[in-house]
Protein backbone atom coordinates (compact mmCIF):
# COMPACT_ATOMS: atom_id res chain seq x y z
CA MET A 1 123.24 -78.87 -82.49
CA ALA A 2 122.40 -78.17 -78.88
CA LYS A 3 125.03 -77.12 -76.38
CA GLN A 4 126.46 -79.75 -74.12
CA VAL A 5 127.45 -79.39 -70.49
CA LYS A 6 129.70 -81.50 -68.30
CA ILE A 7 128.22 -82.03 -64.84
CA THR A 8 130.45 -83.24 -61.98
CA LEU A 9 129.27 -84.29 -58.51
CA ILE A 10 131.53 -82.43 -56.07
CA LYS A 11 129.65 -82.89 -52.77
CA SER A 12 128.12 -86.00 -51.27
CA THR A 13 124.38 -86.58 -51.25
CA ILE A 14 124.53 -88.01 -47.71
CA GLY A 15 122.14 -86.07 -45.50
CA GLN A 16 120.28 -84.50 -48.44
CA LYS A 17 116.54 -84.76 -48.86
CA PRO A 18 115.38 -87.72 -50.97
CA ALA A 19 114.20 -85.44 -53.78
CA LYS A 20 117.71 -83.96 -54.16
CA VAL A 21 119.28 -87.43 -54.15
CA ALA A 22 116.83 -88.54 -56.84
CA THR A 23 117.66 -85.47 -58.95
CA VAL A 24 121.39 -86.23 -58.78
CA ARG A 25 120.73 -89.85 -59.77
CA SER A 26 118.50 -88.81 -62.67
CA LEU A 27 121.31 -86.61 -63.98
CA GLY A 28 123.36 -89.81 -64.24
CA LEU A 29 125.70 -89.17 -61.31
CA LYS A 30 126.40 -91.98 -58.86
CA LYS A 31 129.70 -91.50 -57.07
CA LEU A 32 131.57 -88.46 -55.82
CA ASN A 33 133.68 -86.82 -58.57
CA SER A 34 131.81 -88.71 -61.29
CA SER A 35 131.05 -86.70 -64.43
CA VAL A 36 128.50 -86.92 -67.19
CA VAL A 37 127.93 -84.95 -70.41
CA GLN A 38 124.33 -83.94 -71.07
CA GLU A 39 122.54 -81.88 -73.71
CA GLU A 40 121.63 -78.47 -72.30
CA ASN A 41 117.84 -78.11 -72.32
CA ASP A 42 115.25 -76.69 -69.95
CA ALA A 43 114.82 -79.93 -68.01
CA ILE A 44 118.56 -80.34 -67.40
CA LYS A 45 118.90 -76.64 -66.45
CA GLY A 46 116.15 -77.06 -63.87
CA MET A 47 117.77 -80.14 -62.37
CA ILE A 48 121.14 -78.38 -62.21
CA ALA A 49 119.54 -75.38 -60.48
CA THR A 50 117.94 -77.68 -57.91
CA VAL A 51 121.24 -79.31 -56.92
CA SER A 52 123.61 -76.45 -57.77
CA HIS A 53 125.25 -76.68 -54.33
CA LEU A 54 126.27 -80.30 -55.05
CA VAL A 55 127.51 -80.11 -58.65
CA LYS A 56 129.95 -78.23 -60.85
CA VAL A 57 128.93 -77.38 -64.42
CA GLU A 58 131.23 -76.70 -67.38
CA GLU A 59 130.49 -76.10 -71.05
CA VAL A 60 131.80 -78.68 -73.50
CA LYS A 61 133.16 -77.34 -76.77
């Protein structure tokens, strides 16, 4: 079973470039302080790295 991570949007996407906004939306985050649990794979890691200044990541046990 793959690891899972909880991703929380902690900063607004207002004023960000459209590519960053699209990355946040593709992670499944819509509103500030919304959270989503995703499987940790290379694609998700890359998206998290791209918007690391906007999100908080925690491991789910």
